[in-house]
């Protein structure tokens, strides 16, 4: 069993240490102790929880979406000219930069 410390688990999931501690307090994750006595979680359980967190939210309009609309995150920057655009997103701990047509950005 691979034990992951709370700080590492938080970094992997893009949340705060306190959030991971709350998950262990409320039973979402099973609290364990590593060799040095620090709070940790099981790596497999953490991976399973990460998959649950990564589920896409339901489409309220139930209209479906294209592949380009499947990232859950915040748009942090858009640079566009007449033909192309660069869109920067923050998806959890990941920064995603996408190049697309300016028309797609306007949609």
PDB file of N, CA and C in Angstrom:
ATOM      1  N   UNK A   1       0.845  -1.171   0.000  1.00  0.00           N
ATOM      2  CA  UNK A   1       0.000   0.000   0.000  1.00  0.00           C
ATOM      3  C   UNK A   1       0.893   1.237   0.000  1.00  0.00           C
ATOM      4  N   UNK A   2       0.713   2.093  -0.988  1.00  0.00           N
ATOM      5  CA  UNK A   2       1.476   3.340  -1.068  1.00  0.00           C
ATOM      6  C   UNK A   2       0.751   4.410  -0.259  1.00  0.00           C
ATOM      7  N   UNK A   3       1.440   4.973   0.713  1.00  0.00           N
ATOM      8  CA  UNK A   3       0.856   6.046   1.516  1.00  0.00           C
ATOM      9  C   UNK A   3       1.273   7.390   0.942  1.00  0.00           C
ATOM     10  N   UNK A   4       0.307   8.272   0.816  1.00  0.00           N
ATOM     11  CA  UNK A   4       0.543   9.619   0.290  1.00  0.00           C
ATOM     12  C   UNK A   4       0.254  10.607   1.416  1.00  0.00           C
ATOM     13  N   UNK A   5       1.226  11.441   1.728  1.00  0.00           N
ATOM     14  CA  UNK A   5       1.021  12.456   2.763  1.00  0.00           C
ATOM     15  C   UNK A   5      -0.021  13.471   2.312  1.00  0.00           C
ATOM     16  N   UNK A   6      -0.657  14.090   3.288  1.00  0.00           N
ATOM     17  CA  UNK A   6      -1.732  15.045   3.021  1.00  0.00           C
ATOM     18  C   UNK A   6      -1.275  16.155   2.086  1.00  0.00           C
ATOM     19  N   UNK A   7      -0.094  16.704   2.315  1.00  0.00           N
ATOM     20  CA  UNK A   7       0.379  17.812   1.475  1.00  0.00           C
ATOM     21  C   UNK A   7       0.575  17.365   0.031  1.00  0.00           C
ATOM     22  N   UNK A   8       1.086  16.144  -0.166  1.00  0.00           N
ATOM     23  CA  UNK A   8       1.261  15.628  -1.528  1.00  0.00           C
ATOM     24  C   UNK A   8      -0.091  15.361  -2.179  1.00  0.00           C
ATOM     25  N   UNK A   9      -1.015  14.768  -1.420  1.00  0.00           N
ATOM     26  CA  UNK A   9      -2.355  14.487  -1.944  1.00  0.00           C
ATOM     27  C   UNK A   9      -3.028  15.783  -2.382  1.00  0.00           C
ATOM     28  N   UNK A  10      -2.899  16.816  -1.565  1.00  0.00           N
ATOM     29  CA  UNK A  10      -3.496  18.110  -1.905  1.00  0.00           C
ATOM     30  C   UNK A  10      -2.889  18.665  -3.190  1.00  0.00           C
ATOM     31  N   UNK A  11      -1.581  18.557  -3.318  1.00  0.00           N
ATOM     32  CA  UNK A  11      -0.901  19.058  -4.520  1.00  0.00           C
ATOM     33  C   UNK A  11      -1.358  18.283  -5.749  1.00  0.00           C
ATOM     34  N   UNK A  12      -1.478  16.958  -5.629  1.00  0.00           N
ATOM     35  CA  UNK A  12      -1.904  16.131  -6.759  1.00  0.00           C
ATOM     36  C   UNK A  12      -3.310  16.492  -7.229  1.00  0.00           C
ATOM     37  N   UNK A  13      -4.198  16.831  -6.282  1.00  0.00           N
ATOM     38  CA  UNK A  13      -5.595  17.097  -6.625  1.00  0.00           C
ATOM     39  C   UNK A  13      -5.891  18.575  -6.856  1.00  0.00           C
ATOM     40  N   UNK A  14      -4.915  19.435  -6.583  1.00  0.00           N
ATOM     41  CA  UNK A  14      -5.132  20.866  -6.793  1.00  0.00           C
ATOM     42  C   UNK A  14      -6.042  21.484  -5.746  1.00  0.00           C
ATOM     43  N   UNK A  15      -5.981  20.961  -4.516  1.00  0.00           N
ATOM     44  CA  UNK A  15      -6.779  21.495  -3.414  1.00  0.00           C
ATOM     45  C   UNK A  15      -5.834  21.833  -2.262  1.00  0.00           C
ATOM     46  N   UNK A  16      -6.383  22.398  -1.201  1.00  0.00           N
ATOM     47  CA  UNK A  16      -5.546  22.743  -0.048  1.00  0.00           C
ATOM     48  C   UNK A  16      -5.363  21.535   0.871  1.00  0.00           C
ATOM     49  N   UNK A  17      -4.342  21.615   1.716  1.00  0.00           N
ATOM     50  CA  UNK A  17      -4.118  20.579   2.729  1.00  0.00           C
ATOM     51  C   UNK A  17      -5.353  20.441   3.619  1.00  0.00           C
ATOM     52  N   UNK A  18      -5.953  21.583   3.972  1.00  0.00           N
ATOM     53  CA  UNK A  18      -7.137  21.564   4.836  1.00  0.00           C
ATOM     54  C   UNK A  18      -8.292  20.799   4.201  1.00  0.00           C
ATOM     55  N   UNK A  19      -8.435  20.905   2.891  1.00  0.00           N
ATOM     56  CA  UNK A  19      -9.499  20.167   2.204  1.00  0.00           C
ATOM     57  C   UNK A  19      -9.289  18.668   2.355  1.00  0.00           C
ATOM     58  N   UNK A  20      -8.064  18.211   2.162  1.00  0.00           N
ATOM     59  CA  UNK A  20      -7.773  16.776   2.315  1.00  0.00           C
ATOM     60  C   UNK A  20      -8.012  16.353   3.762  1.00  0.00           C
ATOM     61  N   UNK A  21      -7.637  17.183   4.716  1.00  0.00           N
ATOM     62  CA  UNK A  21      -7.883  16.854   6.129  1.00  0.00           C
ATOM     63  C   UNK A  21      -9.382  16.764   6.410  1.00  0.00           C
ATOM     64  N   UNK A  22     -10.169  17.672   5.826  1.00  0.00           N
ATOM     65  CA  UNK A  22     -11.625  17.606   5.996  1.00  0.00           C
ATOM     66  C   UNK A  22     -12.176  16.305   5.421  1.00  0.00           C
ATOM     67  N   UNK A  23     -11.631  15.889   4.267  1.00  0.00           N
ATOM     68  CA  UNK A  23     -12.080  14.626   3.667  1.00  0.00           C
ATOM     69  C   UNK A  23     -11.764  13.450   4.579  1.00  0.00           C
ATOM     70  N   UNK A  24     -10.625  13.497   5.282  1.00  0.00           N
ATOM     71  CA  UNK A  24     -10.320  12.403   6.216  1.00  0.00           C
ATOM     72  C   UNK A  24     -11.210  12.495   7.452  1.00  0.00           C
ATOM     73  N   UNK A  25     -11.537  13.706   7.896  1.00  0.00           N
ATOM     74  CA  UNK A  25     -12.403  13.886   9.067  1.00  0.00           C
ATOM     75  C   UNK A  25     -13.830  13.415   8.799  1.00  0.00           C
ATOM     76  N   UNK A  26     -14.333  13.676   7.585  1.00  0.00           N
ATOM     77  CA  UNK A  26     -15.731  13.318   7.307  1.00  0.00           C
ATOM     78  C   UNK A  26     -15.888  11.938   6.674  1.00  0.00           C
ATOM     79  N   UNK A  27     -14.789  11.196   6.526  1.00  0.00           N
ATOM     80  CA  UNK A  27     -14.874   9.829   6.032  1.00  0.00           C
ATOM     81  C   UNK A  27     -14.786   9.670   4.529  1.00  0.00           C
ATOM     82  N   UNK A  28     -14.601  10.757   3.806  1.00  0.00           N
ATOM     83  CA  UNK A  28     -14.444  10.656   2.351  1.00  0.00           C
ATOM     84  C   UNK A  28     -13.180   9.879   2.012  1.00  0.00           C
ATOM     85  N   UNK A  29     -12.110  10.143   2.757  1.00  0.00           N
ATOM     86  CA  UNK A  29     -10.854   9.396   2.629  1.00  0.00           C
ATOM     87  C   UNK A  29     -10.521   8.785   3.991  1.00  0.00           C
ATOM     88  N   UNK A  30      -9.919   7.612   3.982  1.00  0.00           N
ATOM     89  CA  UNK A  30      -9.548   6.933   5.226  1.00  0.00           C
ATOM     90  C   UNK A  30      -8.224   7.499   5.744  1.00  0.00           C
ATOM     91  N   UNK A  31      -8.236   8.049   6.969  1.00  0.00           N
ATOM     92  CA  UNK A  31      -6.986   8.596   7.515  1.00  0.00           C
ATOM     93  C   UNK A  31      -6.053   7.476   7.973  1.00  0.00           C
ATOM     94  N   UNK A  32      -4.797   7.580   7.602  1.00  0.00           N
ATOM     95  CA  UNK A  32      -3.760   6.627   7.998  1.00  0.00           C
ATOM     96  C   UNK A  32      -2.569   7.418   8.520  1.00  0.00           C
ATOM     97  N   UNK A  33      -1.602   6.738   9.089  1.00  0.00           N
ATOM     98  CA  UNK A  33      -0.364   7.376   9.555  1.00  0.00           C
ATOM     99  C   UNK A  33       0.809   6.725   8.843  1.00  0.00           C
ATOM    100  N   UNK A  34       1.762   7.564   8.386  1.00  0.00           N
ATOM    101  CA  UNK A  34       2.972   7.010   7.755  1.00  0.00           C
ATOM    102  C   UNK A  34       3.980   6.628   8.845  1.00  0.00           C
ATOM    103  N   UNK A  35       5.175   6.193   8.419  1.00  0.00           N
ATOM    104  CA  UNK A  35       6.200   5.728   9.362  1.00  0.00           C
ATOM    105  C   UNK A  35       6.581   6.782  10.389  1.00  0.00           C
ATOM    106  N   UNK A  36       6.516   8.046  10.001  1.00  0.00           N
ATOM    107  CA  UNK A  36       6.902   9.120  10.922  1.00  0.00           C
ATOM    108  C   UNK A  36       5.711   9.673  11.700  1.00  0.00           C
ATOM    109  N   UNK A  37       4.536   9.047  11.554  1.00  0.00           N
ATOM    110  CA  UNK A  37       3.368   9.467  12.316  1.00  0.00           C
ATOM    111  C   UNK A  37       2.546  10.568  11.678  1.00  0.00           C
ATOM    112  N   UNK A  38       2.903  10.975  10.482  1.00  0.00           N
ATOM    113  CA  UNK A  38       2.149  12.039   9.807  1.00  0.00           C
ATOM    114  C   UNK A  38       0.896  11.475   9.150  1.00  0.00           C
ATOM    115  N   UNK A  39      -0.128  12.328   9.079  1.00  0.00           N
ATOM    116  CA  UNK A  39      -1.388  11.941   8.450  1.00  0.00           C
ATOM    117  C   UNK A  39      -1.160  11.658   6.971  1.00  0.00           C
ATOM    118  N   UNK A  40      -1.719  10.551   6.496  1.00  0.00           N
ATOM    119  CA  UNK A  40      -1.550  10.144   5.102  1.00  0.00           C
ATOM    120  C   UNK A  40      -2.825   9.450   4.632  1.00  0.00           C
ATOM    121  N   UNK A  41      -2.900   9.198   3.333  1.00  0.00           N
ATOM    122  CA  UNK A  41      -4.016   8.456   2.746  1.00  0.00           C
ATOM    123  C   UNK A  41      -3.450   7.389   1.815  1.00  0.00           C
ATOM    124  N   UNK A  42      -4.237   6.355   1.583  1.00  0.00           N
ATOM    125  CA  UNK A  42      -3.827   5.288   0.685  1.00  0.00           C
ATOM    126  C   UNK A  42      -3.818   5.798  -0.755  1.00  0.00           C
ATOM    127  N   UNK A  43      -2.771   5.468  -1.496  1.00  0.00           N
ATOM    128  CA  UNK A  43      -2.632   5.928  -2.876  1.00  0.00           C
ATOM    129  C   UNK A  43      -3.757   5.470  -3.784  1.00  0.00           C
ATOM    130  N   UNK A  44      -4.195   4.204  -3.634  1.00  0.00           N
ATOM    131  CA  UNK A  44      -5.289   3.700  -4.476  1.00  0.00           C
ATOM    132  C   UNK A  44      -6.603   4.406  -4.163  1.00  0.00           C
ATOM    133  N   UNK A  45      -6.857   4.642  -2.881  1.00  0.00           N
ATOM    134  CA  UNK A  45      -8.074   5.351  -2.491  1.00  0.00           C
ATOM    135  C   UNK A  45      -8.041   6.789  -3.014  1.00  0.00           C
ATOM    136  N   UNK A  46      -6.871   7.410  -2.951  1.00  0.00           N
ATOM    137  CA  UNK A  46      -6.726   8.769  -3.464  1.00  0.00           C
ATOM    138  C   UNK A  46      -6.971   8.807  -4.970  1.00  0.00           C
ATOM    139  N   UNK A  47      -6.441   7.829  -5.696  1.00  0.00           N
ATOM    140  CA  UNK A  47      -6.651   7.769  -7.145  1.00  0.00           C
ATOM    141  C   UNK A  47      -8.129   7.595  -7.469  1.00  0.00           C
ATOM    142  N   UNK A  48      -8.812   6.752  -6.709  1.00  0.00           N
ATOM    143  CA  UNK A  48     -10.244   6.543  -6.912  1.00  0.00           C
ATOM    144  C   UNK A  48     -11.017   7.835  -6.658  1.00  0.00           C
ATOM    145  N   UNK A  49     -10.650   8.541  -5.591  1.00  0.00           N
ATOM    146  CA  UNK A  49     -11.317   9.815  -5.279  1.00  0.00           C
ATOM    147  C   UNK A  49     -11.038  10.853  -6.371  1.00  0.00           C
ATOM    148  N   UNK A  50      -9.819  10.866  -6.888  1.00  0.00           N
ATOM    149  CA  UNK A  50      -9.470  11.807  -7.960  1.00  0.00           C
ATOM    150  C   UNK A  50     -10.331  11.557  -9.189  1.00  0.00           C
ATOM    151  N   UNK A  51     -10.601  10.299  -9.491  1.00  0.00           N
ATOM    152  CA  UNK A  51     -11.453   9.978 -10.644  1.00  0.00           C
ATOM    153  C   UNK A  51     -12.871  10.488 -10.423  1.00  0.00           C
ATOM    154  N   UNK A  52     -13.373  10.367  -9.189  1.00  0.00           N
ATOM    155  CA  UNK A  52     -14.718  10.872  -8.887  1.00  0.00           C
ATOM    156  C   UNK A  52     -14.760  12.387  -9.059  1.00  0.00           C
ATOM    157  N   UNK A  53     -13.712  13.059  -8.595  1.00  0.00           N
ATOM    158  CA  UNK A  53     -13.658  14.520  -8.712  1.00  0.00           C
ATOM    159  C   UNK A  53     -13.572  14.964 -10.164  1.00  0.00           C
ATOM    160  N   UNK A  54     -12.988  14.127 -11.008  1.00  0.00           N
ATOM    161  CA  UNK A  54     -12.779  14.491 -12.407  1.00  0.00           C
ATOM    162  C   UNK A  54     -14.013  14.268 -13.268  1.00  0.00           C
ATOM    163  N   UNK A  55     -15.086  13.716 -12.706  1.00  0.00           N
ATOM    164  CA  UNK A  55     -16.298  13.504 -13.485  1.00  0.00           C
ATOM    165  C   UNK A  55     -16.814  14.849 -13.977  1.00  0.00           C
ATOM    166  N   UNK A  56     -17.228  14.879 -15.212  1.00  0.00           N
ATOM    167  CA  UNK A  56     -17.769  16.107 -15.770  1.00  0.00           C
ATOM    168  C   UNK A  56     -19.103  16.439 -15.121  1.00  0.00           C
ATOM    169  N   UNK A  57     -19.365  17.708 -14.860  1.00  0.00           N
ATOM    170  CA  UNK A  57     -20.675  18.070 -14.335  1.00  0.00           C
ATOM    171  C   UNK A  57     -21.734  17.818 -15.404  1.00  0.00           C
ATOM    172  N   UNK A  58     -22.948  17.552 -14.953  1.00  0.00           N
ATOM    173  CA  UNK A  58     -24.017  17.318 -15.918  1.00  0.00           C
ATOM    174  C   UNK A  58     -24.270  18.574 -16.731  1.00  0.00           C
ATOM    175  N   UNK A  59     -24.613  18.365 -17.987  1.00  0.00           N
ATOM    176  CA  UNK A  59     -24.948  19.462 -18.884  1.00  0.00           C
ATOM    177  C   UNK A  59     -26.375  19.897 -18.563  1.00  0.00           C
ATOM    178  N   UNK A  60     -26.576  21.094 -17.977  1.00  0.00           N
ATOM    179  CA  UNK A  60     -27.925  21.501 -17.583  1.00  0.00           C
ATOM    180  C   UNK A  60     -28.877  21.618 -18.771  1.00  0.00           C
ATOM    181  N   UNK A  61     -28.345  21.880 -19.952  1.00  0.00           N
ATOM    182  CA  UNK A  61     -29.194  22.007 -21.134  1.00  0.00           C
ATOM    183  C   UNK A  61     -29.348  20.672 -21.844  1.00  0.00           C
ATOM    184  N   UNK A  62     -28.581  19.670 -21.407  1.00  0.00           N
ATOM    185  CA  UNK A  62     -28.594  18.334 -22.001  1.00  0.00           C
ATOM    186  C   UNK A  62     -28.424  18.381 -23.519  1.00  0.00           C
ATOM    187  N   UNK A  63     -27.619  19.331 -23.968  1.00  0.00           N
ATOM    188  CA  UNK A  63     -27.424  19.496 -25.402  1.00  0.00           C
ATOM    189  C   UNK A  63     -26.163  18.807 -25.895  1.00  0.00           C
ATOM    190  N   UNK A  64     -25.364  18.264 -24.966  1.00  0.00           N
ATOM    191  CA  UNK A  64     -24.099  17.669 -25.378  1.00  0.00           C
ATOM    192  C   UNK A  64     -23.076  18.756 -25.628  1.00  0.00           C
ATOM    193  N   UNK A  65     -21.874  18.333 -25.935  1.00  0.00           N
ATOM    194  CA  UNK A  65     -20.839  19.315 -26.213  1.00  0.00           C
ATOM    195  C   UNK A  65     -19.788  18.686 -27.102  1.00  0.00           C
ATOM    196  N   UNK A  66     -19.027  19.542 -27.719  1.00  0.00           N
ATOM    197  CA  UNK A  66     -17.948  19.068 -28.575  1.00  0.00           C
ATOM    198  C   UNK A  66     -16.736  18.734 -27.714  1.00  0.00           C
ATOM    199  N   UNK A  67     -15.758  18.111 -28.305  1.00  0.00           N
ATOM    200  CA  UNK A  67     -14.541  17.751 -27.572  1.00  0.00           C
ATOM    201  C   UNK A  67     -13.852  18.983 -27.015  1.00  0.00           C
ATOM    202  N   UNK A  68     -13.946  20.102 -27.698  1.00  0.00           N
ATOM    203  CA  UNK A  68     -13.241  21.294 -27.224  1.00  0.00           C
ATOM    204  C   UNK A  68     -13.891  21.905 -25.992  1.00  0.00           C
ATOM    205  N   UNK A  69     -15.058  21.441 -25.591  1.00  0.00           N
ATOM    206  CA  UNK A  69     -15.749  22.023 -24.438  1.00  0.00           C
ATOM    207  C   UNK A  69     -15.786  21.097 -23.231  1.00  0.00           C
ATOM    208  N   UNK A  70     -14.853  20.186 -23.109  1.00  0.00           N
ATOM    209  CA  UNK A  70     -14.933  19.197 -22.042  1.00  0.00           C
ATOM    210  C   UNK A  70     -13.994  19.441 -20.873  1.00  0.00           C
ATOM    211  N   UNK A  71     -13.237  20.509 -20.868  1.00  0.00           N
ATOM    212  CA  UNK A  71     -12.371  20.803 -19.735  1.00  0.00           C
ATOM    213  C   UNK A  71     -13.162  21.576 -18.695  1.00  0.00           C
ATOM    214  N   UNK A  72     -13.048  21.152 -17.443  1.00  0.00           N
ATOM    215  CA  UNK A  72     -13.660  21.883 -16.348  1.00  0.00           C
ATOM    216  C   UNK A  72     -12.566  22.738 -15.735  1.00  0.00           C
ATOM    217  N   UNK A  73     -12.748  24.044 -15.751  1.00  0.00           N
ATOM    218  CA  UNK A  73     -11.734  24.940 -15.220  1.00  0.00           C
ATOM    219  C   UNK A  73     -12.108  26.381 -15.475  1.00  0.00           C
ATOM    220  N   UNK A  74     -11.156  27.250 -15.268  1.00  0.00           N
ATOM    221  CA  UNK A  74     -11.357  28.683 -15.445  1.00  0.00           C
ATOM    222  C   UNK A  74     -10.535  29.190 -16.614  1.00  0.00           C
ATOM    223  N   UNK A  75     -11.141  30.006 -17.447  1.00  0.00           N
ATOM    224  CA  UNK A  75     -10.400  30.671 -18.514  1.00  0.00           C
ATOM    225  C   UNK A  75      -9.641  31.818 -17.860  1.00  0.00           C
ATOM    226  N   UNK A  76      -8.314  31.800 -17.976  1.00  0.00           N
ATOM    227  CA  UNK A  76      -7.503  32.822 -17.319  1.00  0.00           C
ATOM    228  C   UNK A  76      -6.955  33.866 -18.280  1.00  0.00           C
ATOM    229  N   UNK A  77      -6.956  33.566 -19.585  1.00  0.00           N
ATOM    230  CA  UNK A  77      -6.446  34.539 -20.548  1.00  0.00           C
ATOM    231  C   UNK A  77      -6.902  34.160 -21.948  1.00  0.00           C
ATOM    232  N   UNK A  78      -7.217  35.165 -22.748  1.00  0.00           N
ATOM    233  CA  UNK A  78      -7.563  34.963 -24.162  1.00  0.00           C
ATOM    234  C   UNK A  78      -6.831  36.020 -24.972  1.00  0.00           C
ATOM    235  N   UNK A  79      -6.081  35.573 -25.980  1.00  0.00           N
ATOM    236  CA  UNK A  79      -5.409  36.478 -26.914  1.00  0.00           C
ATOM    237  C   UNK A  79      -5.910  36.092 -28.296  1.00  0.00           C
ATOM    238  N   UNK A  80      -6.571  37.023 -28.965  1.00  0.00           N
ATOM    239  CA  UNK A  80      -7.168  36.686 -30.263  1.00  0.00           C
ATOM    240  C   UNK A  80      -6.841  37.754 -31.299  1.00  0.00           C
ATOM    241  N   UNK A  81      -6.702  37.300 -32.548  1.00  0.00           N
ATOM    242  CA  UNK A  81      -6.604  38.221 -33.675  1.00  0.00           C
ATOM    243  C   UNK A  81      -7.748  37.873 -34.624  1.00  0.00           C
ATOM    244  N   UNK A  82      -7.638  38.234 -35.887  1.00  0.00           N
ATOM    245  CA  UNK A  82      -8.742  38.002 -36.819  1.00  0.00           C
ATOM    246  C   UNK A  82      -8.964  36.525 -37.125  1.00  0.00           C
ATOM    247  N   UNK A  83      -7.901  35.716 -37.093  1.00  0.00           N
ATOM    248  CA  UNK A  83      -8.013  34.324 -37.522  1.00  0.00           C
ATOM    249  C   UNK A  83      -7.892  33.327 -36.365  1.00  0.00           C
ATOM    250  N   UNK A  84      -6.889  33.485 -35.521  1.00  0.00           N
ATOM    251  CA  UNK A  84      -6.599  32.501 -34.475  1.00  0.00           C
ATOM    252  C   UNK A  84      -6.679  33.129 -33.083  1.00  0.00           C
ATOM    253  N   UNK A  85      -6.830  32.258 -32.090  1.00  0.00           N
ATOM    254  CA  UNK A  85      -6.872  32.705 -30.697  1.00  0.00           C
ATOM    255  C   UNK A  85      -6.105  31.717 -29.826  1.00  0.00           C
ATOM    256  N   UNK A  86      -5.532  32.250 -28.769  1.00  0.00           N
ATOM    257  CA  UNK A  86      -4.868  31.430 -27.755  1.00  0.00           C
ATOM    258  C   UNK A  86      -5.676  31.582 -26.474  1.00  0.00           C
ATOM    259  N   UNK A  87      -6.151  30.460 -25.938  1.00  0.00           N
ATOM    260  CA  UNK A  87      -6.964  30.473 -24.725  1.00  0.00           C
ATOM    261  C   UNK A  87      -6.213  29.705 -23.644  1.00  0.00           C
ATOM    262  N   UNK A  88      -6.067  30.338 -22.499  1.00  0.00           N
ATOM    263  CA  UNK A  88      -5.378  29.707 -21.374  1.00  0.00           C
ATOM    264  C   UNK A  88      -6.408  29.370 -20.308  1.00  0.00           C
ATOM    265  N   UNK A  89      -6.357  28.120 -19.823  1.00  0.00           N
ATOM    266  CA  UNK A  89      -7.277  27.659 -18.792  1.00  0.00           C
ATOM    267  C   UNK A  89      -6.498  27.153 -17.593  1.00  0.00           C
ATOM    268  N   UNK A  90      -7.096  27.253 -16.419  1.00  0.00           N
ATOM    269  CA  UNK A  90      -6.551  26.633 -15.219  1.00  0.00           C
ATOM    270  C   UNK A  90      -7.528  25.536 -14.825  1.00  0.00           C
ATOM    271  N   UNK A  91      -7.122  24.282 -15.023  1.00  0.00           N
ATOM    272  CA  UNK A  91      -7.960  23.114 -14.739  1.00  0.00           C
ATOM    273  C   UNK A  91      -7.357  22.383 -13.551  1.00  0.00           C
ATOM    274  N   UNK A  92      -7.826  22.720 -12.362  1.00  0.00           N
ATOM    275  CA  UNK A  92      -7.206  22.168 -11.152  1.00  0.00           C
ATOM    276  C   UNK A  92      -5.775  22.655 -11.094  1.00  0.00           C
ATOM    277  N   UNK A  93      -4.821  21.764 -10.892  1.00  0.00           N
ATOM    278  CA  UNK A  93      -3.428  22.196 -10.821  1.00  0.00           C
ATOM    279  C   UNK A  93      -2.774  22.345 -12.191  1.00  0.00           C
ATOM    280  N   UNK A  94      -3.541  22.095 -13.249  1.00  0.00           N
ATOM    281  CA  UNK A  94      -2.965  22.089 -14.584  1.00  0.00           C
ATOM    282  C   UNK A  94      -3.292  23.361 -15.356  1.00  0.00           C
ATOM    283  N   UNK A  95      -2.292  23.891 -16.046  1.00  0.00           N
ATOM    284  CA  UNK A  95      -2.465  25.032 -16.945  1.00  0.00           C
ATOM    285  C   UNK A  95      -2.562  24.456 -18.349  1.00  0.00           C
ATOM    286  N   UNK A  96      -3.642  24.770 -19.043  1.00  0.00           N
ATOM    287  CA  UNK A  96      -3.861  24.264 -20.396  1.00  0.00           C
ATOM    288  C   UNK A  96      -3.908  25.453 -21.338  1.00  0.00           C
ATOM    289  N   UNK A  97      -3.120  25.386 -22.413  1.00  0.00           N
ATOM    290  CA  UNK A  97      -3.130  26.435 -23.429  1.00  0.00           C
ATOM    291  C   UNK A  97      -3.642  25.810 -24.714  1.00  0.00           C
ATOM    292  N   UNK A  98      -4.677  26.424 -25.276  1.00  0.00           N
ATOM    293  CA  UNK A  98      -5.303  25.888 -26.478  1.00  0.00           C
ATOM    294  C   UNK A  98      -5.246  26.925 -27.594  1.00  0.00           C
ATOM    295  N   UNK A  99      -4.927  26.465 -28.785  1.00  0.00           N
ATOM    296  CA  UNK A  99      -4.966  27.319 -29.970  1.00  0.00           C
ATOM    297  C   UNK A  99      -6.184  26.916 -30.782  1.00  0.00           C
ATOM    298  N   UNK A 100      -6.984  27.892 -31.152  1.00  0.00           N
ATOM    299  CA  UNK A 100      -8.208  27.610 -31.902  1.00  0.00           C
ATOM    300  C   UNK A 100      -8.567  28.808 -32.760  1.00  0.00           C
ATOM    301  N   UNK A 101      -9.575  28.627 -33.578  1.00  0.00           N
ATOM    302  CA  UNK A 101      -9.996  29.735 -34.431  1.00  0.00           C
ATOM    303  C   UNK A 101     -10.661  30.815 -33.569  1.00  0.00           C
ATOM    304  N   UNK A 102     -10.563  32.044 -34.010  1.00  0.00           N
ATOM    305  CA  UNK A 102     -11.216  33.146 -33.300  1.00  0.00           C
ATOM    306  C   UNK A 102     -12.728  32.961 -33.302  1.00  0.00           C
ATOM    307  N   UNK A 103     -13.240  32.365 -34.363  1.00  0.00           N
ATOM    308  CA  UNK A 103     -14.679  32.096 -34.443  1.00  0.00           C
ATOM    309  C   UNK A 103     -15.119  31.159 -33.318  1.00  0.00           C
ATOM    310  N   UNK A 104     -14.321  30.129 -33.047  1.00  0.00           N
ATOM    311  CA  UNK A 104     -14.646  29.193 -31.970  1.00  0.00           C
ATOM    312  C   UNK A 104     -14.643  29.892 -30.614  1.00  0.00           C
ATOM    313  N   UNK A 105     -13.746  30.835 -30.426  1.00  0.00           N
ATOM    314  CA  UNK A 105     -13.687  31.570 -29.164  1.00  0.00           C
ATOM    315  C   UNK A 105     -14.943  32.418 -28.990  1.00  0.00           C
ATOM    316  N   UNK A 106     -15.398  33.033 -30.059  1.00  0.00           N
ATOM    317  CA  UNK A 106     -16.592  33.875 -29.968  1.00  0.00           C
ATOM    318  C   UNK A 106     -17.847  33.064 -29.656  1.00  0.00           C
ATOM    319  N   UNK A 107     -17.865  31.787 -30.056  1.00  0.00           N
ATOM    320  CA  UNK A 107     -19.028  30.934 -29.772  1.00  0.00           C
ATOM    321  C   UNK A 107     -19.148  30.726 -28.296  1.00  0.00           C
TER     322      UNK A 107
END
